[in-house]
Amino acid sequence: IFYLGIHWLTDMCAGVLLGVAAARIGMRISEGRFSFSTQRSLIEQRA
């Protein structure tokens, strides 16, 4: 993306953060650890 003259360093840094966050969120949802019901249960337990 740099060599071909397309992207800025800032684009890459933001892309890395987004890519890592997307992968982690995707894993959590697929494992059932990020469902709305789970989040609601956690909130109720804390309450």
ModelCIF file with pLDDT and N, C-alpha, C, O atoms, coordinates in Angstrom:
data_MODEL
#
_entry.id   MODEL 
#
_entity.id                         1 
_entity.type                       polymer 
_entity.pdbx_number_of_molecules   1 
#
_entity_poly.entity_id                      1 
_entity_poly.type                           'polypeptide(L)' 
_entity_poly.nstd_linkage                   no 
_entity_poly.nstd_monomer                   no 
_entity_poly.pdbx_seq_one_letter_code       IFYLGIHWLTDMCAGVLLGVAAARIGMRISEGRFSFSTQRSLIEQRA 
_entity_poly.pdbx_seq_one_letter_code_can   IFYLGIHWLTDMCAGVLLGVAAARIGMRISEGRFSFSTQRSLIEQRA 
_entity_poly.pdbx_strand_id                 A 
#
loop_
_entity_poly_seq.entity_id 
_entity_poly_seq.num 
_entity_poly_seq.mon_id 
_entity_poly_seq.hetero 
1 1  ILE n 
1 2  PHE n 
1 3  TYR n 
1 4  LEU n 
1 5  GLY n 
1 6  ILE n 
1 7  HIS n 
1 8  TRP n 
1 9  LEU n 
1 10 THR n 
1 11 ASP n 
1 12 MET n 
1 13 CYS n 
1 14 ALA n 
1 15 GLY n 
1 16 VAL n 
1 17 LEU n 
1 18 LEU n 
1 19 GLY n 
1 20 VAL n 
1 21 ALA n 
1 22 ALA n 
1 23 ALA n 
1 24 ARG n 
1 25 ILE n 
1 26 GLY n 
1 27 MET n 
1 28 ARG n 
1 29 ILE n 
1 30 SER n 
1 31 GLU n 
1 32 GLY n 
1 33 ARG n 
1 34 PHE n 
1 35 SER n 
1 36 PHE n 
1 37 SER n 
1 38 THR n 
1 39 GLN n 
1 40 ARG n 
1 41 SER n 
1 42 LEU n 
1 43 ILE n 
1 44 GLU n 
1 45 GLN n 
1 46 ARG n 
1 47 ALA n 
#
_struct_asym.id          A 
_struct_asym.entity_id   1 
#
loop_
_ma_qa_metric.id 
_ma_qa_metric.mode 
_ma_qa_metric.name 
_ma_qa_metric.software_group_id 
_ma_qa_metric.type 
1 global pLDDT . pLDDT 
2 local  pLDDT . pLDDT 
#
_ma_qa_metric_global.metric_id      1 
_ma_qa_metric_global.metric_value   82.23 
_ma_qa_metric_global.model_id       1 
_ma_qa_metric_global.ordinal_id     1 
#
loop_
_ma_qa_metric_local.label_asym_id 
_ma_qa_metric_local.label_comp_id 
_ma_qa_metric_local.label_seq_id 
_ma_qa_metric_local.metric_id 
_ma_qa_metric_local.metric_value 
_ma_qa_metric_local.model_id 
_ma_qa_metric_local.ordinal_id 
A ILE 1  2 98.00 1 1  
A PHE 2  2 97.00 1 2  
A TYR 3  2 98.00 1 3  
A LEU 4  2 97.00 1 4  
A GLY 5  2 97.00 1 5  
A ILE 6  2 97.00 1 6  
A HIS 7  2 97.00 1 7  
A TRP 8  2 97.00 1 8  
A LEU 9  2 97.00 1 9  
A THR 10 2 97.00 1 10 
A ASP 11 2 97.00 1 11 
A MET 12 2 98.00 1 12 
A CYS 13 2 97.00 1 13 
A ALA 14 2 98.00 1 14 
A GLY 15 2 98.00 1 15 
A VAL 16 2 98.00 1 16 
A LEU 17 2 98.00 1 17 
A LEU 18 2 98.00 1 18 
A GLY 19 2 98.00 1 19 
A VAL 20 2 98.00 1 20 
A ALA 21 2 98.00 1 21 
A ALA 22 2 98.00 1 22 
A ALA 23 2 97.00 1 23 
A ARG 24 2 97.00 1 24 
A ILE 25 2 97.00 1 25 
A GLY 26 2 97.00 1 26 
A MET 27 2 96.00 1 27 
A ARG 28 2 96.00 1 28 
A ILE 29 2 96.00 1 29 
A SER 30 2 94.00 1 30 
A GLU 31 2 89.00 1 31 
A GLY 32 2 87.00 1 32 
A ARG 33 2 70.00 1 33 
A PHE 34 2 57.00 1 34 
A SER 35 2 52.00 1 35 
A PHE 36 2 47.00 1 36 
A SER 37 2 48.00 1 37 
A THR 38 2 47.00 1 38 
A GLN 39 2 47.00 1 39 
A ARG 40 2 51.00 1 40 
A SER 41 2 50.00 1 41 
A LEU 42 2 46.00 1 42 
A ILE 43 2 48.00 1 43 
A GLU 44 2 53.00 1 44 
A GLN 45 2 55.00 1 45 
A ARG 46 2 52.00 1 46 
A ALA 47 2 50.00 1 47 
#
loop_
_atom_site.group_PDB 
_atom_site.id 
_atom_site.type_symbol 
_atom_site.label_atom_id 
_atom_site.label_alt_id 
_atom_site.label_comp_id 
_atom_site.label_asym_id 
_atom_site.label_entity_id 
_atom_site.label_seq_id 
_atom_site.pdbx_PDB_ins_code 
_atom_site.Cartn_x 
_atom_site.Cartn_y 
_atom_site.Cartn_z 
_atom_site.occupancy 
_atom_site.B_iso_or_equiv 
_atom_site.pdbx_formal_charge 
_atom_site.auth_seq_id 
_atom_site.auth_comp_id 
_atom_site.auth_asym_id 
_atom_site.auth_atom_id 
_atom_site.pdbx_PDB_model_num 
ATOM 1   N N  . ILE A 1 1  ? 0.836   -1.214  0.000  1.00 98.00 ? 1  ILE A N  1 
ATOM 2   C CA . ILE A 1 1  ? 0.000   0.000   0.000  1.00 98.00 ? 1  ILE A CA 1 
ATOM 3   C C  . ILE A 1 1  ? 0.862   1.252   0.000  1.00 98.00 ? 1  ILE A C  1 
ATOM 4   O O  . ILE A 1 1  ? 0.444   2.295   -0.502 1.00 98.00 ? 1  ILE A O  1 
ATOM 5   N N  . PHE A 1 2  ? 2.070   1.155   0.564  1.00 97.00 ? 2  PHE A N  1 
ATOM 6   C CA . PHE A 1 2  ? 3.018   2.277   0.523  1.00 97.00 ? 2  PHE A CA 1 
ATOM 7   C C  . PHE A 1 2  ? 3.800   2.267   -0.785 1.00 97.00 ? 2  PHE A C  1 
ATOM 8   O O  . PHE A 1 2  ? 3.902   3.283   -1.473 1.00 97.00 ? 2  PHE A O  1 
ATOM 9   N N  . TYR A 1 3  ? 4.346   1.106   -1.114 1.00 98.00 ? 3  TYR A N  1 
ATOM 10  C CA . TYR A 1 3  ? 5.207   0.999   -2.288 1.00 98.00 ? 3  TYR A CA 1 
ATOM 11  C C  . TYR A 1 3  ? 4.482   1.402   -3.574 1.00 98.00 ? 3  TYR A C  1 
ATOM 12  O O  . TYR A 1 3  ? 5.059   2.069   -4.432 1.00 98.00 ? 3  TYR A O  1 
ATOM 13  N N  . LEU A 1 4  ? 3.226   0.998   -3.703 1.00 97.00 ? 4  LEU A N  1 
ATOM 14  C CA . LEU A 1 4  ? 2.462   1.296   -4.915 1.00 97.00 ? 4  LEU A CA 1 
ATOM 15  C C  . LEU A 1 4  ? 1.958   2.732   -4.953 1.00 97.00 ? 4  LEU A C  1 
ATOM 16  O O  . LEU A 1 4  ? 1.386   3.157   -5.957 1.00 97.00 ? 4  LEU A O  1 
ATOM 17  N N  . GLY A 1 5  ? 2.163   3.488   -3.872 1.00 97.00 ? 5  GLY A N  1 
ATOM 18  C CA . GLY A 1 5  ? 1.796   4.898   -3.843 1.00 97.00 ? 5  GLY A CA 1 
ATOM 19  C C  . GLY A 1 5  ? 0.351   5.174   -3.524 1.00 97.00 ? 5  GLY A C  1 
ATOM 20  O O  . GLY A 1 5  ? -0.195  6.195   -3.942 1.00 97.00 ? 5  GLY A O  1 
ATOM 21  N N  . ILE A 1 6  ? -0.289  4.265   -2.776 1.00 97.00 ? 6  ILE A N  1 
ATOM 22  C CA . ILE A 1 6  ? -1.730  4.387   -2.536 1.00 97.00 ? 6  ILE A CA 1 
ATOM 23  C C  . ILE A 1 6  ? -2.059  4.994   -1.173 1.00 97.00 ? 6  ILE A C  1 
ATOM 24  O O  . ILE A 1 6  ? -2.775  5.993   -1.096 1.00 97.00 ? 6  ILE A O  1 
ATOM 25  N N  . HIS A 1 7  ? -1.541  4.398   -0.102 1.00 97.00 ? 7  HIS A N  1 
ATOM 26  C CA . HIS A 1 7  ? -1.978  4.798   1.234  1.00 97.00 ? 7  HIS A CA 1 
ATOM 27  C C  . HIS A 1 7  ? -0.918  5.574   2.019  1.00 97.00 ? 7  HIS A C  1 
ATOM 28  O O  . HIS A 1 7  ? 0.276   5.538   1.726  1.00 97.00 ? 7  HIS A O  1 
ATOM 29  N N  . TRP A 1 8  ? -1.423  6.274   3.028  1.00 97.00 ? 8  TRP A N  1 
ATOM 30  C CA . TRP A 1 8  ? -0.591  7.014   3.971  1.00 97.00 ? 8  TRP A CA 1 
ATOM 31  C C  . TRP A 1 8  ? -0.297  6.126   5.185  1.00 97.00 ? 8  TRP A C  1 
ATOM 32  O O  . TRP A 1 8  ? -0.986  5.136   5.433  1.00 97.00 ? 8  TRP A O  1 
ATOM 33  N N  . LEU A 1 9  ? 0.722   6.500   5.917  1.00 97.00 ? 9  LEU A N  1 
ATOM 34  C CA . LEU A 1 9  ? 1.071   5.762   7.137  1.00 97.00 ? 9  LEU A CA 1 
ATOM 35  C C  . LEU A 1 9  ? -0.091  5.796   8.125  1.00 97.00 ? 9  LEU A C  1 
ATOM 36  O O  . LEU A 1 9  ? -0.366  4.811   8.811  1.00 97.00 ? 9  LEU A O  1 
ATOM 37  N N  . THR A 1 10 ? -0.767  6.938   8.187  1.00 97.00 ? 10 THR A N  1 
ATOM 38  C CA . THR A 1 10 ? -1.922  7.082   9.079  1.00 97.00 ? 10 THR A CA 1 
ATOM 39  C C  . THR A 1 10 ? -3.026  6.094   8.723  1.00 97.00 ? 10 THR A C  1 
ATOM 40  O O  . THR A 1 10 ? -3.667  5.525   9.606  1.00 97.00 ? 10 THR A O  1 
ATOM 41  N N  . ASP A 1 11 ? -3.246  5.893   7.425  1.00 97.00 ? 11 ASP A N  1 
ATOM 42  C CA . ASP A 1 11 ? -4.248  4.916   6.976  1.00 97.00 ? 11 ASP A CA 1 
ATOM 43  C C  . ASP A 1 11 ? -3.903  3.524   7.482  1.00 97.00 ? 11 ASP A C  1 
ATOM 44  O O  . ASP A 1 11 ? -4.768  2.779   7.941  1.00 97.00 ? 11 ASP A O  1 
ATOM 45  N N  . MET A 1 12 ? -2.621  3.189   7.389  1.00 98.00 ? 12 MET A N  1 
ATOM 46  C CA . MET A 1 12 ? -2.165  1.859   7.810  1.00 98.00 ? 12 MET A CA 1 
ATOM 47  C C  . MET A 1 12 ? -2.347  1.668   9.311  1.00 98.00 ? 12 MET A C  1 
ATOM 48  O O  . MET A 1 12 ? -2.837  0.627   9.750  1.00 98.00 ? 12 MET A O  1 
ATOM 49  N N  . CYS A 1 13 ? -1.958  2.660   10.093 1.00 97.00 ? 13 CYS A N  1 
ATOM 50  C CA . CYS A 1 13 ? -2.081  2.549   11.556 1.00 97.00 ? 13 CYS A CA 1 
ATOM 51  C C  . CYS A 1 13 ? -3.534  2.344   11.961 1.00 97.00 ? 13 CYS A C  1 
ATOM 52  O O  . CYS A 1 13 ? -3.842  1.495   12.798 1.00 97.00 ? 13 CYS A O  1 
ATOM 53  N N  . ALA A 1 14 ? -4.425  3.129   11.359 1.00 98.00 ? 14 ALA A N  1 
ATOM 54  C CA . ALA A 1 14 ? -5.851  2.981   11.650 1.00 98.00 ? 14 ALA A CA 1 
ATOM 55  C C  . ALA A 1 14 ? -6.347  1.613   11.185 1.00 98.00 ? 14 ALA A C  1 
ATOM 56  O O  . ALA A 1 14 ? -7.182  0.996   11.846 1.00 98.00 ? 14 ALA A O  1 
ATOM 57  N N  . GLY A 1 15 ? -5.834  1.142   10.055 1.00 98.00 ? 15 GLY A N  1 
ATOM 58  C CA . GLY A 1 15 ? -6.231  -0.161  9.531  1.00 98.00 ? 15 GLY A CA 1 
ATOM 59  C C  . GLY A 1 15 ? -5.810  -1.304  10.434 1.00 98.00 ? 15 GLY A C  1 
ATOM 60  O O  . GLY A 1 15 ? -6.563  -2.260  10.622 1.00 98.00 ? 15 GLY A O  1 
ATOM 61  N N  . VAL A 1 16 ? -4.608  -1.215  10.995 1.00 98.00 ? 16 VAL A N  1 
ATOM 62  C CA . VAL A 1 16 ? -4.132  -2.260  11.913 1.00 98.00 ? 16 VAL A CA 1 
ATOM 63  C C  . VAL A 1 16 ? -5.027  -2.335  13.146 1.00 98.00 ? 16 VAL A C  1 
ATOM 64  O O  . VAL A 1 16 ? -5.429  -3.421  13.564 1.00 98.00 ? 16 VAL A O  1 
ATOM 65  N N  . LEU A 1 17 ? -5.336  -1.179  13.723 1.00 98.00 ? 17 LEU A N  1 
ATOM 66  C CA . LEU A 1 17 ? -6.201  -1.149  14.911 1.00 98.00 ? 17 LEU A CA 1 
ATOM 67  C C  . LEU A 1 17 ? -7.580  -1.721  14.584 1.00 98.00 ? 17 LEU A C  1 
ATOM 68  O O  . LEU A 1 17 ? -8.136  -2.506  15.352 1.00 98.00 ? 17 LEU A O  1 
ATOM 69  N N  . LEU A 1 18 ? -8.122  -1.317  13.438 1.00 98.00 ? 18 LEU A N  1 
ATOM 70  C CA . LEU A 1 18 ? -9.445  -1.804  13.036 1.00 98.00 ? 18 LEU A CA 1 
ATOM 71  C C  . LEU A 1 18 ? -9.412  -3.303  12.783 1.00 98.00 ? 18 LEU A C  1 
ATOM 72  O O  . LEU A 1 18 ? -10.331 -4.018  13.183 1.00 98.00 ? 18 LEU A O  1 
ATOM 73  N N  . GLY A 1 19 ? -8.364  -3.789  12.123 1.00 98.00 ? 19 GLY A N  1 
ATOM 74  C CA . GLY A 1 19 ? -8.265  -5.208  11.811 1.00 98.00 ? 19 GLY A CA 1 
ATOM 75  C C  . GLY A 1 19 ? -8.186  -6.082  13.048 1.00 98.00 ? 19 GLY A C  1 
ATOM 76  O O  . GLY A 1 19 ? -8.842  -7.122  13.122 1.00 98.00 ? 19 GLY A O  1 
ATOM 77  N N  . VAL A 1 20 ? -7.384  -5.664  14.022 1.00 98.00 ? 20 VAL A N  1 
ATOM 78  C CA . VAL A 1 20 ? -7.258  -6.417  15.271 1.00 98.00 ? 20 VAL A CA 1 
ATOM 79  C C  . VAL A 1 20 ? -8.587  -6.405  16.032 1.00 98.00 ? 20 VAL A C  1 
ATOM 80  O O  . VAL A 1 20 ? -9.037  -7.437  16.530 1.00 98.00 ? 20 VAL A O  1 
ATOM 81  N N  . ALA A 1 21 ? -9.206  -5.225  16.115 1.00 98.00 ? 21 ALA A N  1 
ATOM 82  C CA . ALA A 1 21 ? -10.479 -5.105  16.826 1.00 98.00 ? 21 ALA A CA 1 
ATOM 83  C C  . ALA A 1 21 ? -11.559 -5.954  16.156 1.00 98.00 ? 21 ALA A C  1 
ATOM 84  O O  . ALA A 1 21 ? -12.339 -6.624  16.834 1.00 98.00 ? 21 ALA A O  1 
ATOM 85  N N  . ALA A 1 22 ? -11.602 -5.923  14.817 1.00 98.00 ? 22 ALA A N  1 
ATOM 86  C CA . ALA A 1 22 ? -12.607 -6.701  14.082 1.00 98.00 ? 22 ALA A CA 1 
ATOM 87  C C  . ALA A 1 22 ? -12.432 -8.195  14.316 1.00 98.00 ? 22 ALA A C  1 
ATOM 88  O O  . ALA A 1 22 ? -13.410 -8.919  14.504 1.00 98.00 ? 22 ALA A O  1 
ATOM 89  N N  . ALA A 1 23 ? -11.182 -8.654  14.304 1.00 97.00 ? 23 ALA A N  1 
ATOM 90  C CA . ALA A 1 23 ? -10.927 -10.078 14.514 1.00 97.00 ? 23 ALA A CA 1 
ATOM 91  C C  . ALA A 1 23 ? -11.332 -10.508 15.921 1.00 97.00 ? 23 ALA A C  1 
ATOM 92  O O  . ALA A 1 23 ? -11.946 -11.561 16.098 1.00 97.00 ? 23 ALA A O  1 
ATOM 93  N N  . ARG A 1 24 ? -10.990 -9.700  16.917 1.00 97.00 ? 24 ARG A N  1 
ATOM 94  C CA . ARG A 1 24 ? -11.322 -10.046 18.300 1.00 97.00 ? 24 ARG A CA 1 
ATOM 95  C C  . ARG A 1 24 ? -12.828 -10.030 18.526 1.00 97.00 ? 24 ARG A C  1 
ATOM 96  O O  . ARG A 1 24 ? -13.367 -10.913 19.193 1.00 97.00 ? 24 ARG A O  1 
ATOM 97  N N  . ILE A 1 25 ? -13.509 -9.031  17.973 1.00 97.00 ? 25 ILE A N  1 
ATOM 98  C CA . ILE A 1 25 ? -14.961 -8.961  18.121 1.00 97.00 ? 25 ILE A CA 1 
ATOM 99  C C  . ILE A 1 25 ? -15.621 -10.124 17.386 1.00 97.00 ? 25 ILE A C  1 
ATOM 100 O O  . ILE A 1 25 ? -16.565 -10.733 17.889 1.00 97.00 ? 25 ILE A O  1 
ATOM 101 N N  . GLY A 1 26 ? -15.110 -10.429 16.177 1.00 97.00 ? 26 GLY A N  1 
ATOM 102 C CA . GLY A 1 26 ? -15.646 -11.557 15.428 1.00 97.00 ? 26 GLY A CA 1 
ATOM 103 C C  . GLY A 1 26 ? -15.516 -12.864 16.189 1.00 97.00 ? 26 GLY A C  1 
ATOM 104 O O  . GLY A 1 26 ? -16.442 -13.675 16.202 1.00 97.00 ? 26 GLY A O  1 
ATOM 105 N N  . MET A 1 27 ? -14.349 -13.075 16.833 1.00 96.00 ? 27 MET A N  1 
ATOM 106 C CA . MET A 1 27 ? -14.135 -14.286 17.615 1.00 96.00 ? 27 MET A CA 1 
ATOM 107 C C  . MET A 1 27 ? -15.067 -14.344 18.814 1.00 96.00 ? 27 MET A C  1 
ATOM 108 O O  . MET A 1 27 ? -15.631 -15.394 19.119 1.00 96.00 ? 27 MET A O  1 
ATOM 109 N N  . ARG A 1 28 ? -15.226 -13.219 19.490 1.00 96.00 ? 28 ARG A N  1 
ATOM 110 C CA . ARG A 1 28 ? -16.074 -13.192 20.686 1.00 96.00 ? 28 ARG A CA 1 
ATOM 111 C C  . ARG A 1 28 ? -17.533 -13.485 20.328 1.00 96.00 ? 28 ARG A C  1 
ATOM 112 O O  . ARG A 1 28 ? -18.224 -14.204 21.050 1.00 96.00 ? 28 ARG A O  1 
ATOM 113 N N  . ILE A 1 29 ? -17.993 -12.922 19.211 1.00 96.00 ? 29 ILE A N  1 
ATOM 114 C CA . ILE A 1 29 ? -19.380 -13.170 18.804 1.00 96.00 ? 29 ILE A CA 1 
ATOM 115 C C  . ILE A 1 29 ? -19.566 -14.624 18.399 1.00 96.00 ? 29 ILE A C  1 
ATOM 116 O O  . ILE A 1 29 ? -20.555 -15.254 18.772 1.00 96.00 ? 29 ILE A O  1 
ATOM 117 N N  . SER A 1 30 ? -18.618 -15.158 17.636 1.00 94.00 ? 30 SER A N  1 
ATOM 118 C CA . SER A 1 30 ? -18.749 -16.537 17.166 1.00 94.00 ? 30 SER A CA 1 
ATOM 119 C C  . SER A 1 30 ? -18.671 -17.541 18.315 1.00 94.00 ? 30 SER A C  1 
ATOM 120 O O  . SER A 1 30 ? -19.214 -18.642 18.221 1.00 94.00 ? 30 SER A O  1 
ATOM 121 N N  . GLU A 1 31 ? -17.992 -17.157 19.400 1.00 89.00 ? 31 GLU A N  1 
ATOM 122 C CA . GLU A 1 31 ? -17.896 -18.028 20.573 1.00 89.00 ? 31 GLU A CA 1 
ATOM 123 C C  . GLU A 1 31 ? -19.048 -17.813 21.547 1.00 89.00 ? 31 GLU A C  1 
ATOM 124 O O  . GLU A 1 31 ? -19.129 -18.479 22.579 1.00 89.00 ? 31 GLU A O  1 
ATOM 125 N N  . GLY A 1 32 ? -19.944 -16.873 21.213 1.00 87.00 ? 32 GLY A N  1 
ATOM 126 C CA . GLY A 1 32 ? -21.092 -16.615 22.077 1.00 87.00 ? 32 GLY A CA 1 
ATOM 127 C C  . GLY A 1 32 ? -20.773 -15.775 23.286 1.00 87.00 ? 32 GLY A C  1 
ATOM 128 O O  . GLY A 1 32 ? -21.535 -15.752 24.252 1.00 87.00 ? 32 GLY A O  1 
ATOM 129 N N  . ARG A 1 33 ? -19.627 -15.070 23.238 1.00 70.00 ? 33 ARG A N  1 
ATOM 130 C CA . ARG A 1 33 ? -19.219 -14.262 24.388 1.00 70.00 ? 33 ARG A CA 1 
ATOM 131 C C  . ARG A 1 33 ? -19.534 -12.786 24.196 1.00 70.00 ? 33 ARG A C  1 
ATOM 132 O O  . ARG A 1 33 ? -19.136 -11.944 25.001 1.00 70.00 ? 33 ARG A O  1 
ATOM 133 N N  . PHE A 1 34 ? -20.265 -12.477 23.105 1.00 57.00 ? 34 PHE A N  1 
ATOM 134 C CA . PHE A 1 34 ? -20.552 -11.074 22.841 1.00 57.00 ? 34 PHE A CA 1 
ATOM 135 C C  . PHE A 1 34 ? -22.017 -10.874 22.468 1.00 57.00 ? 34 PHE A C  1 
ATOM 136 O O  . PHE A 1 34 ? -22.373 -9.872  21.847 1.00 57.00 ? 34 PHE A O  1 
ATOM 137 N N  . SER A 1 35 ? -22.868 -11.832 22.847 1.00 52.00 ? 35 SER A N  1 
ATOM 138 C CA . SER A 1 35 ? -24.288 -11.728 22.512 1.00 52.00 ? 35 SER A CA 1 
ATOM 139 C C  . SER A 1 35 ? -24.970 -10.733 23.432 1.00 52.00 ? 35 SER A C  1 
ATOM 140 O O  . SER A 1 35 ? -24.495 -10.464 24.536 1.00 52.00 ? 35 SER A O  1 
ATOM 141 N N  . PHE A 1 36 ? -26.088 -10.191 22.972 1.00 47.00 ? 36 PHE A N  1 
ATOM 142 C CA . PHE A 1 36 ? -26.828 -9.231  23.786 1.00 47.00 ? 36 PHE A CA 1 
ATOM 143 C C  . PHE A 1 36 ? -27.358 -9.884  25.060 1.00 47.00 ? 36 PHE A C  1 
ATOM 144 O O  . PHE A 1 36 ? -27.418 -9.249  26.113 1.00 47.00 ? 36 PHE A O  1 
ATOM 145 N N  . SER A 1 37 ? -27.741 -11.150 24.958 1.00 48.00 ? 37 SER A N  1 
ATOM 146 C CA . SER A 1 37 ? -28.255 -11.834 26.140 1.00 48.00 ? 37 SER A CA 1 
ATOM 147 C C  . SER A 1 37 ? -27.164 -11.993 27.188 1.00 48.00 ? 37 SER A C  1 
ATOM 148 O O  . SER A 1 37 ? -27.414 -11.849 28.385 1.00 48.00 ? 37 SER A O  1 
ATOM 149 N N  . THR A 1 38 ? -25.939 -12.296 26.724 1.00 47.00 ? 38 THR A N  1 
ATOM 150 C CA . THR A 1 38 ? -24.821 -12.428 27.655 1.00 47.00 ? 38 THR A CA 1 
ATOM 151 C C  . THR A 1 38 ? -24.524 -11.103 28.324 1.00 47.00 ? 38 THR A C  1 
ATOM 152 O O  . THR A 1 38 ? -24.296 -11.042 29.532 1.00 47.00 ? 38 THR A O  1 
ATOM 153 N N  . GLN A 1 39 ? -24.528 -10.037 27.527 1.00 47.00 ? 39 GLN A N  1 
ATOM 154 C CA . GLN A 1 39 ? -24.248 -8.716  28.088 1.00 47.00 ? 39 GLN A CA 1 
ATOM 155 C C  . GLN A 1 39 ? -25.331 -8.317  29.089 1.00 47.00 ? 39 GLN A C  1 
ATOM 156 O O  . GLN A 1 39 ? -25.035 -7.699  30.111 1.00 47.00 ? 39 GLN A O  1 
ATOM 157 N N  . ARG A 1 40 ? -26.578 -8.669  28.799 1.00 51.00 ? 40 ARG A N  1 
ATOM 158 C CA . ARG A 1 40 ? -27.682 -8.343  29.702 1.00 51.00 ? 40 ARG A CA 1 
ATOM 159 C C  . ARG A 1 40 ? -27.547 -9.103  31.013 1.00 51.00 ? 40 ARG A C  1 
ATOM 160 O O  . ARG A 1 40 ? -27.806 -8.559  32.087 1.00 51.00 ? 40 ARG A O  1 
ATOM 161 N N  . SER A 1 41 ? -27.134 -10.379 30.916 1.00 50.00 ? 41 SER A N  1 
ATOM 162 C CA . SER A 1 41 ? -26.940 -11.187 32.116 1.00 50.00 ? 41 SER A CA 1 
ATOM 163 C C  . SER A 1 41 ? -25.847 -10.611 32.997 1.00 50.00 ? 41 SER A C  1 
ATOM 164 O O  . SER A 1 41 ? -25.974 -10.567 34.221 1.00 50.00 ? 41 SER A O  1 
ATOM 165 N N  . LEU A 1 42 ? -24.771 -10.168 32.358 1.00 46.00 ? 42 LEU A N  1 
ATOM 166 C CA . LEU A 1 42 ? -23.675 -9.568  33.126 1.00 46.00 ? 42 LEU A CA 1 
ATOM 167 C C  . LEU A 1 42 ? -24.119 -8.312  33.841 1.00 46.00 ? 42 LEU A C  1 
ATOM 168 O O  . LEU A 1 42 ? -23.754 -8.069  34.992 1.00 46.00 ? 42 LEU A O  1 
ATOM 169 N N  . ILE A 1 43 ? -24.921 -7.509  33.135 1.00 48.00 ? 43 ILE A N  1 
ATOM 170 C CA . ILE A 1 43 ? -25.422 -6.271  33.735 1.00 48.00 ? 43 ILE A CA 1 
ATOM 171 C C  . ILE A 1 43 ? -26.323 -6.584  34.920 1.00 48.00 ? 43 ILE A C  1 
ATOM 172 O O  . ILE A 1 43 ? -26.238 -5.932  35.961 1.00 48.00 ? 43 ILE A O  1 
ATOM 173 N N  . GLU A 1 44 ? -27.202 -7.601  34.759 1.00 53.00 ? 44 GLU A N  1 
ATOM 174 C CA . GLU A 1 44 ? -28.117 -7.982  35.847 1.00 53.00 ? 44 GLU A CA 1 
ATOM 175 C C  . GLU A 1 44 ? -27.342 -8.515  37.050 1.00 53.00 ? 44 GLU A C  1 
ATOM 176 O O  . GLU A 1 44 ? -27.687 -8.219  38.194 1.00 53.00 ? 44 GLU A O  1 
ATOM 177 N N  . GLN A 1 45 ? -26.281 -9.312  36.791 1.00 55.00 ? 45 GLN A N  1 
ATOM 178 C CA . GLN A 1 45 ? -25.479 -9.844  37.878 1.00 55.00 ? 45 GLN A CA 1 
ATOM 179 C C  . GLN A 1 45 ? -24.772 -8.724  38.651 1.00 55.00 ? 45 GLN A C  1 
ATOM 180 O O  . GLN A 1 45 ? -24.675 -8.761  39.878 1.00 55.00 ? 45 GLN A O  1 
ATOM 181 N N  . ARG A 1 46 ? -24.293 -7.751  37.919 1.00 52.00 ? 46 ARG A N  1 
ATOM 182 C CA . ARG A 1 46 ? -23.611 -6.628  38.571 1.00 52.00 ? 46 ARG A CA 1 
ATOM 183 C C  . ARG A 1 46 ? -24.597 -5.800  39.375 1.00 52.00 ? 46 ARG A C  1 
ATOM 184 O O  . ARG A 1 46 ? -24.271 -5.279  40.442 1.00 52.00 ? 46 ARG A O  1 
ATOM 185 N N  . ALA A 1 47 ? -25.825 -5.685  38.839 1.00 50.00 ? 47 ALA A N  1 
ATOM 186 C CA . ALA A 1 47 ? -26.847 -4.918  39.550 1.00 50.00 ? 47 ALA A CA 1 
ATOM 187 C C  . ALA A 1 47 ? -27.207 -5.594  40.860 1.00 50.00 ? 47 ALA A C  1 
ATOM 188 O O  . ALA A 1 47 ? -28.054 -5.094  41.601 1.00 50.00 ? 47 ALA A O  1 
#
